[in-house]
Amino acid sequence: MKATEQTIQQVERAIRRIAQKFPPTEEADVMTDLHLCVSQESGEMIAFDDDDNEINRCVIEQWIDNKDEDFYKEIASLLRGQLIHLRSLVEKMSILKPYSFVLEDDDREHIAELYLVDDDIAIIGGELMEGLDKDLDDFFDELMK
């Protein structure tokens, strides 16, 4: 599924609305994650805070009744791209750092870590400890030689 221009604009608008709820201030809100819950059936993308309070809701028409097997993988890529595009806005949100954007399915199951901001460090995409097991195994094998 290739995202249409309309889909990209809808996602960007949704991220901007989320950021508007947390304008830059001296006092940061105590919150650690923004959960983006996407429904493959309804096409809804709902943003929640850590206390499950709804921050924003929108419907992405292209996502309605989408049956693609790689739906969430493609959505994660699109969301990451838009978060990178809006990086200056996203990183100035008045949320206590570190905070992250997390993708969830409509059952609120964790799908992917999209974007993590911690002071001067931003980690974009992928799992934070991806490949750690292999690195530790390689290190241990080398150590045992």
N, C-alpha and C. Protein backbone atom coordinates (compact mmCIF):
# COMPACT_ATOMS: atom_id res chain seq x y z
N MET A 1 0.85 -1.18 0.00
CA MET A 1 0.00 0.00 0.00
C MET A 1 0.89 1.24 0.00
N LYS A 2 0.78 1.99 -1.05
CA LYS A 2 1.52 3.25 -1.12
C LYS A 2 0.60 4.36 -0.62
N ALA A 3 1.09 5.12 0.33
CA ALA A 3 0.27 6.19 0.92
C ALA A 3 -0.01 7.27 -0.12
N THR A 4 -1.26 7.67 -0.18
CA THR A 4 -1.65 8.75 -1.08
C THR A 4 -1.25 10.09 -0.45
N GLU A 5 -1.27 11.13 -1.27
CA GLU A 5 -0.96 12.47 -0.77
C GLU A 5 -1.97 12.86 0.31
N GLN A 6 -3.23 12.49 0.11
CA GLN A 6 -4.26 12.80 1.10
C GLN A 6 -3.96 12.12 2.43
N THR A 7 -3.53 10.86 2.39
CA THR A 7 -3.19 10.12 3.62
C THR A 7 -2.04 10.80 4.34
N ILE A 8 -1.02 11.18 3.61
CA ILE A 8 0.15 11.85 4.20
C ILE A 8 -0.29 13.15 4.87
N GLN A 9 -1.16 13.91 4.20
CA GLN A 9 -1.65 15.17 4.77
C GLN A 9 -2.49 14.92 6.02
N GLN A 10 -3.32 13.86 6.01
CA GLN A 10 -4.14 13.56 7.17
C GLN A 10 -3.28 13.16 8.37
N VAL A 11 -2.24 12.37 8.13
CA VAL A 11 -1.34 11.96 9.21
C VAL A 11 -0.59 13.17 9.75
N GLU A 12 -0.10 14.02 8.86
CA GLU A 12 0.61 15.21 9.30
C GLU A 12 -0.29 16.12 10.13
N ARG A 13 -1.52 16.29 9.69
CA ARG A 13 -2.49 17.12 10.43
C ARG A 13 -2.74 16.54 11.81
N ALA A 14 -2.85 15.21 11.90
CA ALA A 14 -3.09 14.55 13.19
C ALA A 14 -1.92 14.77 14.14
N ILE A 15 -0.70 14.64 13.64
CA ILE A 15 0.49 14.86 14.48
C ILE A 15 0.57 16.31 14.93
N ARG A 16 0.24 17.23 14.05
CA ARG A 16 0.23 18.66 14.42
C ARG A 16 -0.80 18.94 15.52
N ARG A 17 -1.96 18.30 15.43
CA ARG A 17 -2.99 18.48 16.46
C ARG A 17 -2.53 17.93 17.81
N ILE A 18 -1.84 16.81 17.78
CA ILE A 18 -1.29 16.25 19.02
C ILE A 18 -0.29 17.23 19.62
N ALA A 19 0.59 17.75 18.80
CA ALA A 19 1.61 18.69 19.28
C ALA A 19 0.97 19.96 19.83
N GLN A 20 -0.15 20.40 19.26
CA GLN A 20 -0.85 21.59 19.74
C GLN A 20 -1.35 21.41 21.17
N LYS A 21 -1.62 20.17 21.56
CA LYS A 21 -2.09 19.90 22.92
C LYS A 21 -0.97 20.06 23.95
N PHE A 22 0.28 20.08 23.47
CA PHE A 22 1.45 20.19 24.35
C PHE A 22 2.38 21.30 23.84
N PRO A 23 1.91 22.54 23.81
CA PRO A 23 2.76 23.63 23.29
C PRO A 23 3.99 23.81 24.18
N PRO A 24 5.09 24.28 23.60
CA PRO A 24 6.32 24.48 24.39
C PRO A 24 6.07 25.44 25.56
N THR A 25 6.43 24.99 26.76
CA THR A 25 6.31 25.81 27.96
C THR A 25 7.50 25.51 28.86
N GLU A 26 7.62 26.28 29.93
CA GLU A 26 8.69 26.04 30.90
C GLU A 26 8.41 24.79 31.72
N GLU A 27 7.14 24.56 32.04
CA GLU A 27 6.74 23.40 32.85
C GLU A 27 6.28 22.28 31.93
N ALA A 28 7.00 21.17 31.94
CA ALA A 28 6.64 20.02 31.11
C ALA A 28 5.61 19.15 31.80
N ASP A 29 4.67 18.60 31.01
CA ASP A 29 3.70 17.65 31.55
C ASP A 29 4.42 16.35 31.88
N VAL A 30 3.99 15.70 32.95
CA VAL A 30 4.57 14.42 33.32
C VAL A 30 3.82 13.34 32.54
N MET A 31 4.48 12.81 31.54
CA MET A 31 3.92 11.77 30.71
C MET A 31 5.10 11.13 29.98
N THR A 32 5.06 9.84 29.77
CA THR A 32 6.22 9.22 29.15
C THR A 32 5.98 8.78 27.71
N ASP A 33 4.77 8.49 27.32
CA ASP A 33 4.53 8.00 25.97
C ASP A 33 3.26 8.59 25.37
N LEU A 34 3.28 8.67 24.06
CA LEU A 34 2.08 8.98 23.29
C LEU A 34 1.77 7.72 22.48
N HIS A 35 0.61 7.17 22.70
CA HIS A 35 0.21 5.91 22.07
C HIS A 35 -0.67 6.22 20.86
N LEU A 36 -0.24 5.78 19.69
CA LEU A 36 -1.02 5.96 18.47
C LEU A 36 -1.66 4.61 18.15
N CYS A 37 -2.94 4.54 18.37
CA CYS A 37 -3.70 3.30 18.17
C CYS A 37 -4.37 3.38 16.79
N VAL A 38 -4.02 2.43 15.91
CA VAL A 38 -4.53 2.45 14.55
C VAL A 38 -5.40 1.22 14.32
N SER A 39 -6.58 1.43 13.74
CA SER A 39 -7.51 0.35 13.44
C SER A 39 -7.49 0.05 11.95
N GLN A 40 -7.22 -1.18 11.62
CA GLN A 40 -7.19 -1.61 10.23
C GLN A 40 -8.60 -1.68 9.65
N GLU A 41 -9.59 -1.87 10.48
CA GLU A 41 -10.98 -1.95 10.03
C GLU A 41 -11.58 -0.58 9.78
N SER A 42 -11.54 0.26 10.80
CA SER A 42 -12.23 1.56 10.72
C SER A 42 -11.36 2.66 10.13
N GLY A 43 -10.05 2.45 10.07
CA GLY A 43 -9.15 3.49 9.57
C GLY A 43 -8.87 4.58 10.59
N GLU A 44 -9.36 4.39 11.81
CA GLU A 44 -9.16 5.39 12.86
C GLU A 44 -7.73 5.36 13.40
N MET A 45 -7.22 6.54 13.70
CA MET A 45 -5.97 6.66 14.43
C MET A 45 -6.30 7.53 15.65
N ILE A 46 -6.15 6.93 16.82
CA ILE A 46 -6.47 7.63 18.06
C ILE A 46 -5.18 7.76 18.87
N ALA A 47 -4.91 8.95 19.34
CA ALA A 47 -3.74 9.20 20.19
C ALA A 47 -4.20 9.24 21.64
N PHE A 48 -3.47 8.49 22.49
CA PHE A 48 -3.76 8.44 23.92
C PHE A 48 -2.52 8.84 24.70
N ASP A 49 -2.75 9.36 25.91
CA ASP A 49 -1.63 9.58 26.82
C ASP A 49 -1.45 8.33 27.68
N ASP A 50 -0.55 8.39 28.66
CA ASP A 50 -0.28 7.24 29.51
C ASP A 50 -1.48 6.81 30.36
N ASP A 51 -2.37 7.73 30.62
CA ASP A 51 -3.54 7.43 31.44
C ASP A 51 -4.75 7.04 30.59
N ASP A 52 -4.52 6.74 29.32
CA ASP A 52 -5.56 6.36 28.37
C ASP A 52 -6.57 7.48 28.10
N ASN A 53 -6.16 8.71 28.30
CA ASN A 53 -7.00 9.85 27.94
C ASN A 53 -6.80 10.11 26.45
N GLU A 54 -7.89 10.26 25.74
CA GLU A 54 -7.81 10.51 24.30
C GLU A 54 -7.30 11.93 24.05
N ILE A 55 -6.30 12.04 23.20
CA ILE A 55 -5.72 13.34 22.85
C ILE A 55 -6.24 13.80 21.50
N ASN A 56 -6.33 12.88 20.55
CA ASN A 56 -6.77 13.22 19.20
C ASN A 56 -7.34 11.97 18.54
N ARG A 57 -8.25 12.20 17.60
CA ARG A 57 -8.84 11.09 16.84
C ARG A 57 -9.06 11.58 15.42
N CYS A 58 -8.72 10.71 14.47
CA CYS A 58 -9.00 11.03 13.07
C CYS A 58 -9.21 9.73 12.31
N VAL A 59 -9.80 9.83 11.15
CA VAL A 59 -10.01 8.67 10.28
C VAL A 59 -9.20 8.89 9.02
N ILE A 60 -8.37 7.91 8.70
CA ILE A 60 -7.58 7.94 7.49
C ILE A 60 -8.31 7.07 6.47
N GLU A 61 -8.90 7.69 5.47
CA GLU A 61 -9.78 6.98 4.54
C GLU A 61 -9.09 5.81 3.84
N GLN A 62 -7.85 5.95 3.49
CA GLN A 62 -7.13 4.89 2.79
C GLN A 62 -6.96 3.64 3.66
N TRP A 63 -7.02 3.80 4.97
CA TRP A 63 -6.82 2.67 5.87
C TRP A 63 -8.10 1.88 6.16
N ILE A 64 -9.25 2.42 5.80
CA ILE A 64 -10.53 1.76 6.10
C ILE A 64 -10.60 0.42 5.37
N ASP A 65 -10.88 -0.64 6.13
CA ASP A 65 -11.00 -2.01 5.62
C ASP A 65 -9.78 -2.46 4.82
N ASN A 66 -8.61 -1.99 5.22
CA ASN A 66 -7.38 -2.39 4.55
C ASN A 66 -7.01 -3.80 5.00
N LYS A 67 -6.79 -4.69 4.06
CA LYS A 67 -6.51 -6.10 4.36
C LYS A 67 -5.05 -6.47 4.11
N ASP A 68 -4.19 -5.48 3.85
CA ASP A 68 -2.77 -5.77 3.59
C ASP A 68 -2.14 -6.50 4.77
N GLU A 69 -1.35 -7.52 4.45
CA GLU A 69 -0.65 -8.28 5.49
C GLU A 69 0.38 -7.43 6.22
N ASP A 70 1.02 -6.54 5.49
CA ASP A 70 2.06 -5.68 6.06
C ASP A 70 1.52 -4.32 6.49
N PHE A 71 0.23 -4.25 6.79
CA PHE A 71 -0.41 -2.98 7.11
C PHE A 71 0.33 -2.21 8.19
N TYR A 72 0.57 -2.84 9.33
CA TYR A 72 1.17 -2.12 10.45
C TYR A 72 2.63 -1.76 10.18
N LYS A 73 3.32 -2.59 9.44
CA LYS A 73 4.71 -2.28 9.06
C LYS A 73 4.75 -1.04 8.18
N GLU A 74 3.83 -0.96 7.23
CA GLU A 74 3.76 0.20 6.34
C GLU A 74 3.31 1.45 7.08
N ILE A 75 2.36 1.28 7.99
CA ILE A 75 1.87 2.42 8.78
C ILE A 75 2.99 2.95 9.67
N ALA A 76 3.75 2.04 10.28
CA ALA A 76 4.87 2.45 11.12
C ALA A 76 5.87 3.28 10.32
N SER A 77 6.16 2.84 9.11
CA SER A 77 7.09 3.56 8.25
C SER A 77 6.55 4.95 7.91
N LEU A 78 5.27 5.03 7.57
CA LEU A 78 4.65 6.32 7.25
C LEU A 78 4.67 7.25 8.46
N LEU A 79 4.30 6.73 9.62
CA LEU A 79 4.27 7.56 10.83
C LEU A 79 5.67 8.06 11.20
N ARG A 80 6.66 7.17 11.09
CA ARG A 80 8.05 7.59 11.36
C ARG A 80 8.46 8.72 10.43
N GLY A 81 8.13 8.55 9.16
CA GLY A 81 8.47 9.57 8.17
C GLY A 81 7.86 10.92 8.51
N GLN A 82 6.61 10.92 8.94
CA GLN A 82 5.96 12.18 9.28
C GLN A 82 6.50 12.75 10.59
N LEU A 83 6.86 11.88 11.54
CA LEU A 83 7.46 12.37 12.79
C LEU A 83 8.82 13.00 12.51
N ILE A 84 9.57 12.42 11.58
CA ILE A 84 10.86 13.00 11.19
C ILE A 84 10.62 14.34 10.50
N HIS A 85 9.64 14.37 9.61
CA HIS A 85 9.31 15.60 8.89
C HIS A 85 8.92 16.73 9.85
N LEU A 86 8.22 16.37 10.92
CA LEU A 86 7.76 17.36 11.91
C LEU A 86 8.63 17.37 13.16
N ARG A 87 9.85 16.92 13.01
CA ARG A 87 10.79 16.76 14.14
C ARG A 87 10.90 18.01 15.01
N SER A 88 11.05 19.17 14.40
CA SER A 88 11.22 20.38 15.21
C SER A 88 9.99 20.66 16.07
N LEU A 89 8.83 20.34 15.59
CA LEU A 89 7.59 20.51 16.35
C LEU A 89 7.46 19.45 17.43
N VAL A 90 7.73 18.20 17.07
CA VAL A 90 7.57 17.06 17.98
C VAL A 90 8.53 17.14 19.16
N GLU A 91 9.76 17.56 18.91
CA GLU A 91 10.77 17.58 19.96
C GLU A 91 10.63 18.76 20.92
N LYS A 92 9.77 19.72 20.59
CA LYS A 92 9.56 20.87 21.47
C LYS A 92 8.28 20.75 22.29
N MET A 93 7.62 19.61 22.21
CA MET A 93 6.39 19.42 22.96
C MET A 93 6.70 19.47 24.46
N SER A 94 5.79 20.05 25.22
CA SER A 94 6.01 20.20 26.66
C SER A 94 5.66 18.92 27.41
N ILE A 95 6.43 17.89 27.12
CA ILE A 95 6.29 16.60 27.79
C ILE A 95 7.63 16.30 28.44
N LEU A 96 7.57 15.83 29.68
CA LEU A 96 8.79 15.50 30.40
C LEU A 96 9.57 14.43 29.65
N LYS A 97 10.83 14.71 29.36
CA LYS A 97 11.67 13.76 28.61
C LYS A 97 12.24 12.71 29.54
N PRO A 98 12.44 11.51 29.09
CA PRO A 98 12.21 11.01 27.73
C PRO A 98 10.74 10.70 27.48
N TYR A 99 10.33 10.87 26.24
CA TYR A 99 8.99 10.47 25.82
C TYR A 99 9.09 9.83 24.44
N SER A 100 8.08 9.04 24.12
CA SER A 100 8.13 8.36 22.83
C SER A 100 6.75 8.25 22.22
N PHE A 101 6.75 8.04 20.92
CA PHE A 101 5.53 7.73 20.17
C PHE A 101 5.54 6.23 19.94
N VAL A 102 4.45 5.58 20.30
CA VAL A 102 4.35 4.13 20.20
C VAL A 102 3.15 3.78 19.32
N LEU A 103 3.34 2.86 18.38
CA LEU A 103 2.24 2.40 17.54
C LEU A 103 1.60 1.18 18.18
N GLU A 104 0.25 1.19 18.22
CA GLU A 104 -0.51 0.07 18.76
C GLU A 104 -1.61 -0.29 17.79
N ASP A 105 -2.05 -1.56 17.83
CA ASP A 105 -3.17 -1.96 16.99
C ASP A 105 -4.48 -1.63 17.71
N ASP A 106 -5.60 -1.99 17.10
CA ASP A 106 -6.89 -1.62 17.69
C ASP A 106 -7.22 -2.40 18.96
N ASP A 107 -6.43 -3.42 19.29
CA ASP A 107 -6.57 -4.12 20.57
C ASP A 107 -5.62 -3.54 21.62
N ARG A 108 -4.97 -2.45 21.27
CA ARG A 108 -4.00 -1.75 22.13
C ARG A 108 -2.76 -2.58 22.40
N GLU A 109 -2.42 -3.48 21.47
CA GLU A 109 -1.20 -4.28 21.55
C GLU A 109 -0.06 -3.49 20.91
N HIS A 110 1.09 -3.51 21.57
CA HIS A 110 2.27 -2.80 21.09
C HIS A 110 2.72 -3.37 19.74
N ILE A 111 2.90 -2.49 18.76
CA ILE A 111 3.37 -2.90 17.44
C ILE A 111 4.81 -2.43 17.23
N ALA A 112 5.07 -1.15 17.50
CA ALA A 112 6.41 -0.62 17.23
C ALA A 112 6.67 0.66 18.02
N GLU A 113 7.92 0.85 18.36
CA GLU A 113 8.40 2.11 18.92
C GLU A 113 8.71 2.99 17.70
N LEU A 114 8.04 4.13 17.59
CA LEU A 114 8.19 4.96 16.40
C LEU A 114 9.27 6.03 16.55
N TYR A 115 9.30 6.67 17.70
CA TYR A 115 10.17 7.83 17.85
C TYR A 115 10.37 8.08 19.34
N LEU A 116 11.60 8.19 19.77
CA LEU A 116 11.91 8.44 21.18
C LEU A 116 12.75 9.70 21.28
N VAL A 117 12.37 10.60 22.18
CA VAL A 117 13.10 11.84 22.39
C VAL A 117 13.59 11.89 23.83
N ASP A 118 14.88 12.13 23.99
CA ASP A 118 15.48 12.24 25.32
C ASP A 118 16.52 13.34 25.29
N ASP A 119 16.18 14.51 25.78
CA ASP A 119 17.05 15.70 25.76
C ASP A 119 17.62 15.92 24.36
N ASP A 120 18.91 15.75 24.17
CA ASP A 120 19.52 16.03 22.87
C ASP A 120 19.57 14.81 21.96
N ILE A 121 18.95 13.70 22.39
CA ILE A 121 19.01 12.46 21.63
C ILE A 121 17.62 12.13 21.11
N ALA A 122 17.54 11.79 19.85
CA ALA A 122 16.29 11.30 19.28
C ALA A 122 16.58 9.97 18.61
N ILE A 123 15.82 8.95 18.95
CA ILE A 123 15.97 7.65 18.33
C ILE A 123 14.75 7.43 17.46
N ILE A 124 14.99 7.24 16.19
CA ILE A 124 13.90 7.14 15.24
C ILE A 124 13.83 5.72 14.70
N GLY A 125 12.69 5.09 14.89
CA GLY A 125 12.43 3.80 14.28
C GLY A 125 13.12 2.63 14.93
N GLY A 126 12.61 1.47 14.61
CA GLY A 126 13.19 0.23 15.11
C GLY A 126 13.05 0.09 16.61
N GLU A 127 13.40 -1.06 17.08
CA GLU A 127 13.38 -1.31 18.52
C GLU A 127 14.65 -0.72 19.12
N LEU A 128 14.57 -0.28 20.34
CA LEU A 128 15.70 0.38 20.98
C LEU A 128 16.88 -0.56 21.18
N MET A 129 16.61 -1.81 21.44
CA MET A 129 17.68 -2.77 21.72
C MET A 129 17.77 -3.82 20.62
N GLU A 130 17.40 -3.45 19.42
CA GLU A 130 17.40 -4.39 18.31
C GLU A 130 18.81 -4.94 18.07
N GLY A 131 18.91 -6.26 17.96
CA GLY A 131 20.19 -6.91 17.71
C GLY A 131 21.07 -7.08 18.93
N LEU A 132 20.58 -6.70 20.10
CA LEU A 132 21.38 -6.77 21.32
C LEU A 132 21.76 -8.21 21.66
N ASP A 133 20.81 -9.15 21.51
CA ASP A 133 21.11 -10.55 21.81
C ASP A 133 22.26 -11.08 20.97
N LYS A 134 22.24 -10.79 19.69
CA LYS A 134 23.31 -11.27 18.81
C LYS A 134 24.64 -10.63 19.19
N ASP A 135 24.63 -9.33 19.47
CA ASP A 135 25.86 -8.64 19.88
C ASP A 135 26.43 -9.24 21.16
N LEU A 136 25.56 -9.53 22.13
CA LEU A 136 26.03 -10.12 23.38
C LEU A 136 26.56 -11.54 23.17
N ASP A 137 25.88 -12.32 22.32
CA ASP A 137 26.35 -13.67 22.01
C ASP A 137 27.72 -13.63 21.33
N ASP A 138 27.90 -12.72 20.36
CA ASP A 138 29.18 -12.57 19.68
C ASP A 138 30.27 -12.16 20.66
N PHE A 139 29.93 -11.22 21.55
CA PHE A 139 30.90 -10.77 22.55
C PHE A 139 31.30 -11.93 23.47
N PHE A 140 30.31 -12.71 23.92
CA PHE A 140 30.59 -13.82 24.81
C PHE A 140 31.44 -14.87 24.11
N ASP A 141 31.12 -15.19 22.85
CA ASP A 141 31.93 -16.15 22.08
C ASP A 141 33.37 -15.68 21.95
N GLU A 142 33.55 -14.40 21.68
CA GLU A 142 34.89 -13.83 21.53
C GLU A 142 35.63 -13.87 22.87
N LEU A 143 34.92 -13.62 23.93
CA LEU A 143 35.50 -13.62 25.27
C LEU A 143 35.94 -15.03 25.68
N MET A 144 35.18 -16.03 25.29
CA MET A 144 35.49 -17.40 25.67
C MET A 144 36.66 -17.99 24.88
N LYS A 145 37.05 -17.36 23.77
CA LYS A 145 38.17 -17.87 22.96
C LYS A 145 39.45 -17.79 23.71
